Amino acid sequence: MNKAKLTVGIVSCNRKYYLKSLIESLKQTVDQDIELIVIDNASTEIGLRDYLIKEKFISRLIMNKVRKPKTEHMTALNQIVKEAKTEYLLILSDDIQFIRKNWITDSLFILEKYDEIN
């Protein structure tokens, strides 16, 4: 595997089922290294914290301790942008899943071929 070119950032709060499904789909469909940053906004859902701490696919996990509903999502998005160490950044909602293999390679190919969409 090559050095990661893509950071995937996810912000979540109390949505273990969705977040776990997304991460599992990423693990099964990525065809090269990615940097995965997950920010949890003070979840209280049973089992979520343990899952996130044990998940080795996550490159960086930031677990906020206090909820700030008015600003927490935008603050987390800004933190992902600041933390990302790769050339490209993809921010995802925690309620999607991937089913197509090689989507990263295909997407990066398009981004690198067509400078006007960067």
N, C-alpha and C. Protein backbone atom coordinates (compact mmCIF):
# COMPACT_ATOMS: atom_id res chain seq x y z
N MET A 1 0.83 -1.19 0.00
CA MET A 1 0.00 0.00 0.00
C MET A 1 0.88 1.25 0.00
N ASN A 2 0.41 2.27 -0.71
CA ASN A 2 1.13 3.54 -0.78
C ASN A 2 0.78 4.44 0.39
N LYS A 3 1.52 5.52 0.51
CA LYS A 3 1.22 6.54 1.51
C LYS A 3 -0.16 7.11 1.21
N ALA A 4 -0.94 7.35 2.23
CA ALA A 4 -2.31 7.82 2.06
C ALA A 4 -2.34 9.16 1.32
N LYS A 5 -3.23 9.28 0.35
CA LYS A 5 -3.48 10.53 -0.35
C LYS A 5 -4.80 11.15 0.08
N LEU A 6 -5.65 10.36 0.75
CA LEU A 6 -7.00 10.79 1.08
C LEU A 6 -7.26 10.68 2.57
N THR A 7 -7.79 11.77 3.13
CA THR A 7 -8.30 11.74 4.49
C THR A 7 -9.82 11.67 4.40
N VAL A 8 -10.39 10.74 5.15
CA VAL A 8 -11.84 10.66 5.30
C VAL A 8 -12.15 11.13 6.71
N GLY A 9 -13.00 12.14 6.81
CA GLY A 9 -13.38 12.69 8.10
C GLY A 9 -14.85 12.44 8.38
N ILE A 10 -15.14 12.01 9.61
CA ILE A 10 -16.51 11.72 10.00
C ILE A 10 -16.77 12.38 11.35
N VAL A 11 -17.90 13.06 11.45
CA VAL A 11 -18.37 13.63 12.71
C VAL A 11 -19.62 12.86 13.10
N SER A 12 -19.67 12.43 14.35
CA SER A 12 -20.80 11.61 14.78
C SER A 12 -21.15 11.88 16.23
N CYS A 13 -22.38 11.53 16.59
CA CYS A 13 -22.82 11.62 17.99
C CYS A 13 -23.99 10.66 18.20
N ASN A 14 -23.78 9.67 19.05
CA ASN A 14 -24.84 8.73 19.44
C ASN A 14 -25.48 8.00 18.26
N ARG A 15 -24.66 7.57 17.31
CA ARG A 15 -25.18 6.84 16.14
C ARG A 15 -24.29 5.62 15.85
N LYS A 16 -24.13 4.79 16.85
CA LYS A 16 -23.22 3.64 16.76
C LYS A 16 -23.53 2.75 15.55
N TYR A 17 -24.77 2.39 15.36
CA TYR A 17 -25.12 1.48 14.27
C TYR A 17 -24.69 2.05 12.93
N TYR A 18 -25.02 3.32 12.68
CA TYR A 18 -24.67 3.95 11.41
C TYR A 18 -23.16 4.11 11.25
N LEU A 19 -22.52 4.60 12.29
CA LEU A 19 -21.07 4.83 12.23
C LEU A 19 -20.32 3.52 12.01
N LYS A 20 -20.70 2.50 12.74
CA LYS A 20 -20.04 1.20 12.59
C LYS A 20 -20.26 0.65 11.18
N SER A 21 -21.46 0.78 10.64
CA SER A 21 -21.74 0.32 9.28
C SER A 21 -20.89 1.06 8.26
N LEU A 22 -20.73 2.37 8.43
CA LEU A 22 -19.89 3.15 7.53
C LEU A 22 -18.44 2.70 7.61
N ILE A 23 -17.91 2.57 8.80
CA ILE A 23 -16.51 2.17 8.96
C ILE A 23 -16.29 0.77 8.39
N GLU A 24 -17.20 -0.14 8.64
CA GLU A 24 -17.06 -1.49 8.09
C GLU A 24 -17.10 -1.47 6.56
N SER A 25 -17.96 -0.63 5.98
CA SER A 25 -18.03 -0.55 4.52
C SER A 25 -16.74 0.05 3.95
N LEU A 26 -16.17 1.02 4.66
CA LEU A 26 -14.88 1.57 4.23
C LEU A 26 -13.81 0.49 4.24
N LYS A 27 -13.75 -0.28 5.31
CA LYS A 27 -12.74 -1.32 5.43
C LYS A 27 -12.85 -2.34 4.30
N GLN A 28 -14.05 -2.59 3.82
CA GLN A 28 -14.23 -3.61 2.79
C GLN A 28 -14.11 -3.07 1.37
N THR A 29 -14.15 -1.75 1.19
CA THR A 29 -14.14 -1.22 -0.18
C THR A 29 -12.92 -0.37 -0.51
N VAL A 30 -12.15 0.03 0.47
CA VAL A 30 -10.97 0.84 0.14
C VAL A 30 -9.89 -0.05 -0.47
N ASP A 31 -9.21 0.50 -1.44
CA ASP A 31 -8.19 -0.26 -2.15
C ASP A 31 -6.81 0.35 -1.99
N GLN A 32 -6.69 1.30 -1.08
CA GLN A 32 -5.40 1.87 -0.75
C GLN A 32 -5.49 2.51 0.62
N ASP A 33 -4.34 2.91 1.15
CA ASP A 33 -4.33 3.52 2.48
C ASP A 33 -5.13 4.81 2.50
N ILE A 34 -5.87 5.00 3.57
CA ILE A 34 -6.53 6.27 3.81
C ILE A 34 -6.22 6.68 5.25
N GLU A 35 -6.38 7.95 5.49
CA GLU A 35 -6.31 8.46 6.85
C GLU A 35 -7.76 8.67 7.27
N LEU A 36 -8.18 8.01 8.34
CA LEU A 36 -9.56 8.13 8.81
C LEU A 36 -9.58 8.88 10.13
N ILE A 37 -10.24 10.03 10.12
CA ILE A 37 -10.38 10.84 11.33
C ILE A 37 -11.85 10.79 11.75
N VAL A 38 -12.09 10.38 12.98
CA VAL A 38 -13.45 10.33 13.51
C VAL A 38 -13.51 11.24 14.72
N ILE A 39 -14.50 12.12 14.70
CA ILE A 39 -14.74 12.99 15.85
C ILE A 39 -16.10 12.63 16.42
N ASP A 40 -16.10 12.28 17.69
CA ASP A 40 -17.33 11.95 18.40
C ASP A 40 -17.69 13.12 19.31
N ASN A 41 -18.90 13.61 19.15
CA ASN A 41 -19.34 14.76 19.94
C ASN A 41 -20.06 14.32 21.21
N ALA A 42 -19.28 13.81 22.17
CA ALA A 42 -19.75 13.48 23.52
C ALA A 42 -20.90 12.48 23.53
N SER A 43 -20.76 11.41 22.77
CA SER A 43 -21.80 10.37 22.75
C SER A 43 -21.96 9.71 24.11
N THR A 44 -23.19 9.30 24.39
CA THR A 44 -23.50 8.56 25.61
C THR A 44 -24.07 7.19 25.30
N GLU A 45 -24.16 6.84 24.02
CA GLU A 45 -24.73 5.57 23.60
C GLU A 45 -23.87 4.41 24.11
N ILE A 46 -24.51 3.42 24.70
CA ILE A 46 -23.82 2.28 25.28
C ILE A 46 -23.05 1.52 24.19
N GLY A 47 -21.79 1.27 24.46
CA GLY A 47 -20.94 0.49 23.58
C GLY A 47 -20.22 1.29 22.50
N LEU A 48 -20.65 2.50 22.24
CA LEU A 48 -20.05 3.28 21.17
C LEU A 48 -18.61 3.66 21.48
N ARG A 49 -18.37 4.15 22.65
CA ARG A 49 -17.02 4.56 23.04
C ARG A 49 -16.04 3.39 22.95
N ASP A 50 -16.44 2.23 23.48
CA ASP A 50 -15.59 1.04 23.43
C ASP A 50 -15.30 0.63 21.99
N TYR A 51 -16.32 0.67 21.14
CA TYR A 51 -16.12 0.31 19.74
C TYR A 51 -15.08 1.24 19.10
N LEU A 52 -15.24 2.54 19.29
CA LEU A 52 -14.34 3.50 18.66
C LEU A 52 -12.90 3.34 19.16
N ILE A 53 -12.74 3.15 20.43
CA ILE A 53 -11.40 3.01 21.01
C ILE A 53 -10.70 1.76 20.48
N LYS A 54 -11.44 0.70 20.27
CA LYS A 54 -10.86 -0.57 19.82
C LYS A 54 -10.68 -0.65 18.31
N GLU A 55 -11.34 0.20 17.53
CA GLU A 55 -11.30 0.12 16.07
C GLU A 55 -9.95 0.60 15.54
N LYS A 56 -9.17 -0.31 15.04
CA LYS A 56 -7.81 -0.01 14.58
C LYS A 56 -7.77 0.67 13.21
N PHE A 57 -8.86 0.64 12.49
CA PHE A 57 -8.91 1.27 11.16
C PHE A 57 -8.91 2.80 11.27
N ILE A 58 -9.32 3.32 12.42
CA ILE A 58 -9.36 4.76 12.64
C ILE A 58 -7.95 5.27 12.88
N SER A 59 -7.53 6.24 12.07
CA SER A 59 -6.19 6.82 12.22
C SER A 59 -6.11 7.76 13.41
N ARG A 60 -7.12 8.61 13.54
CA ARG A 60 -7.19 9.55 14.65
C ARG A 60 -8.61 9.62 15.17
N LEU A 61 -8.74 9.44 16.48
CA LEU A 61 -10.04 9.50 17.14
C LEU A 61 -10.02 10.66 18.12
N ILE A 62 -10.98 11.54 17.96
CA ILE A 62 -11.12 12.67 18.88
C ILE A 62 -12.48 12.54 19.54
N MET A 63 -12.47 12.38 20.85
CA MET A 63 -13.72 12.20 21.57
C MET A 63 -13.97 13.41 22.47
N ASN A 64 -14.87 14.25 22.02
CA ASN A 64 -15.22 15.43 22.81
C ASN A 64 -15.98 15.00 24.05
N LYS A 65 -15.73 15.68 25.15
CA LYS A 65 -16.34 15.30 26.43
C LYS A 65 -17.63 16.03 26.72
N VAL A 66 -17.84 17.17 26.08
CA VAL A 66 -19.01 18.00 26.37
C VAL A 66 -19.74 18.32 25.08
N ARG A 67 -21.08 18.26 25.13
CA ARG A 67 -21.90 18.63 23.97
C ARG A 67 -22.04 20.14 23.91
N LYS A 68 -21.95 20.66 22.70
CA LYS A 68 -22.21 22.07 22.42
C LYS A 68 -23.02 22.10 21.13
N PRO A 69 -24.31 21.74 21.21
CA PRO A 69 -25.12 21.53 20.01
C PRO A 69 -25.11 22.68 19.00
N LYS A 70 -25.00 23.89 19.44
CA LYS A 70 -25.04 25.02 18.50
C LYS A 70 -23.79 25.11 17.63
N THR A 71 -22.66 24.66 18.12
CA THR A 71 -21.41 24.85 17.39
C THR A 71 -20.58 23.58 17.18
N GLU A 72 -20.98 22.48 17.80
CA GLU A 72 -20.10 21.30 17.81
C GLU A 72 -19.82 20.72 16.43
N HIS A 73 -20.81 20.72 15.56
CA HIS A 73 -20.59 20.11 14.24
C HIS A 73 -19.59 20.94 13.42
N MET A 74 -19.79 22.23 13.38
CA MET A 74 -18.89 23.09 12.61
C MET A 74 -17.49 23.09 13.23
N THR A 75 -17.40 23.08 14.54
CA THR A 75 -16.10 23.00 15.20
C THR A 75 -15.39 21.70 14.83
N ALA A 76 -16.13 20.60 14.80
CA ALA A 76 -15.54 19.31 14.45
C ALA A 76 -15.08 19.29 12.99
N LEU A 77 -15.87 19.86 12.10
CA LEU A 77 -15.46 19.92 10.69
C LEU A 77 -14.17 20.71 10.53
N ASN A 78 -14.08 21.84 11.21
CA ASN A 78 -12.86 22.64 11.16
C ASN A 78 -11.66 21.87 11.73
N GLN A 79 -11.91 21.08 12.75
CA GLN A 79 -10.83 20.31 13.35
C GLN A 79 -10.34 19.22 12.39
N ILE A 80 -11.26 18.60 11.67
CA ILE A 80 -10.86 17.60 10.67
C ILE A 80 -9.97 18.24 9.61
N VAL A 81 -10.38 19.41 9.12
CA VAL A 81 -9.58 20.10 8.10
C VAL A 81 -8.18 20.40 8.65
N LYS A 82 -8.12 20.84 9.88
CA LYS A 82 -6.83 21.17 10.50
C LYS A 82 -5.96 19.92 10.71
N GLU A 83 -6.57 18.81 11.08
CA GLU A 83 -5.83 17.58 11.40
C GLU A 83 -5.40 16.79 10.17
N ALA A 84 -6.09 16.95 9.04
CA ALA A 84 -5.84 16.15 7.85
C ALA A 84 -4.40 16.33 7.36
N LYS A 85 -3.76 15.23 7.04
CA LYS A 85 -2.36 15.25 6.61
C LYS A 85 -2.18 14.82 5.16
N THR A 86 -3.25 14.69 4.42
CA THR A 86 -3.15 14.18 3.05
C THR A 86 -3.47 15.26 2.03
N GLU A 87 -3.30 14.90 0.78
CA GLU A 87 -3.54 15.83 -0.32
C GLU A 87 -5.03 16.11 -0.54
N TYR A 88 -5.86 15.11 -0.29
CA TYR A 88 -7.29 15.23 -0.52
C TYR A 88 -8.06 14.94 0.76
N LEU A 89 -9.24 15.55 0.87
CA LEU A 89 -10.08 15.41 2.05
C LEU A 89 -11.52 15.15 1.64
N LEU A 90 -12.12 14.14 2.25
CA LEU A 90 -13.52 13.81 2.02
C LEU A 90 -14.21 13.76 3.37
N ILE A 91 -15.21 14.61 3.55
CA ILE A 91 -15.96 14.62 4.80
C ILE A 91 -17.27 13.89 4.54
N LEU A 92 -17.57 12.91 5.39
CA LEU A 92 -18.75 12.07 5.20
C LEU A 92 -19.73 12.22 6.35
N SER A 93 -20.98 12.08 6.01
CA SER A 93 -22.03 11.92 7.01
C SER A 93 -21.90 10.50 7.57
N ASP A 94 -22.28 10.30 8.81
CA ASP A 94 -22.08 8.98 9.41
C ASP A 94 -23.14 7.96 9.01
N ASP A 95 -24.08 8.34 8.15
CA ASP A 95 -25.16 7.42 7.81
C ASP A 95 -25.12 6.92 6.37
N ILE A 96 -23.92 6.82 5.80
CA ILE A 96 -23.80 6.27 4.45
C ILE A 96 -22.94 5.01 4.50
N GLN A 97 -22.98 4.26 3.41
CA GLN A 97 -22.15 3.07 3.29
C GLN A 97 -21.66 2.97 1.86
N PHE A 98 -20.51 2.35 1.69
CA PHE A 98 -19.93 2.13 0.37
C PHE A 98 -20.10 0.67 -0.02
N ILE A 99 -20.41 0.45 -1.30
CA ILE A 99 -20.55 -0.92 -1.78
C ILE A 99 -19.63 -1.21 -2.96
N ARG A 100 -19.07 -0.18 -3.56
CA ARG A 100 -18.24 -0.33 -4.75
C ARG A 100 -16.77 -0.35 -4.38
N LYS A 101 -16.10 -1.40 -4.74
CA LYS A 101 -14.66 -1.49 -4.50
C LYS A 101 -13.93 -0.54 -5.44
N ASN A 102 -12.73 -0.16 -5.06
CA ASN A 102 -11.85 0.70 -5.87
C ASN A 102 -12.36 2.13 -6.03
N TRP A 103 -13.33 2.54 -5.26
CA TRP A 103 -13.88 3.89 -5.43
C TRP A 103 -12.84 4.96 -5.11
N ILE A 104 -11.92 4.68 -4.22
CA ILE A 104 -10.91 5.69 -3.89
C ILE A 104 -9.96 5.88 -5.06
N THR A 105 -9.44 4.81 -5.60
CA THR A 105 -8.52 4.91 -6.74
C THR A 105 -9.19 5.62 -7.91
N ASP A 106 -10.43 5.26 -8.21
CA ASP A 106 -11.15 5.89 -9.32
C ASP A 106 -11.39 7.38 -9.06
N SER A 107 -11.75 7.71 -7.84
CA SER A 107 -12.00 9.11 -7.49
C SER A 107 -10.73 9.93 -7.54
N LEU A 108 -9.65 9.40 -7.00
CA LEU A 108 -8.38 10.12 -7.02
C LEU A 108 -7.86 10.28 -8.44
N PHE A 109 -8.07 9.29 -9.28
CA PHE A 109 -7.68 9.39 -10.68
C PHE A 109 -8.36 10.58 -11.34
N ILE A 110 -9.65 10.72 -11.11
CA ILE A 110 -10.41 11.84 -11.70
C ILE A 110 -9.91 13.17 -11.14
N LEU A 111 -9.70 13.24 -9.83
CA LEU A 111 -9.23 14.49 -9.23
C LEU A 111 -7.86 14.89 -9.75
N GLU A 112 -7.00 13.92 -9.96
CA GLU A 112 -5.65 14.23 -10.43
C GLU A 112 -5.60 14.52 -11.93
N LYS A 113 -6.52 13.95 -12.67
CA LYS A 113 -6.54 14.16 -14.12
C LYS A 113 -7.15 15.52 -14.48
N TYR A 114 -8.12 15.96 -13.72
CA TYR A 114 -8.85 17.19 -14.04
C TYR A 114 -8.62 18.23 -12.94
N ASP A 115 -7.60 19.05 -13.13
CA ASP A 115 -7.25 20.05 -12.13
C ASP A 115 -8.39 21.00 -11.81
N GLU A 116 -9.26 21.25 -12.75
CA GLU A 116 -10.32 22.22 -12.55
C GLU A 116 -11.36 21.80 -11.50
N ILE A 117 -11.38 20.54 -11.09
CA ILE A 117 -12.33 20.14 -10.05
C ILE A 117 -11.69 20.07 -8.66
N ASN A 118 -10.43 20.41 -8.55
CA ASN A 118 -9.76 20.46 -7.24
C ASN A 118 -10.15 21.69 -6.49
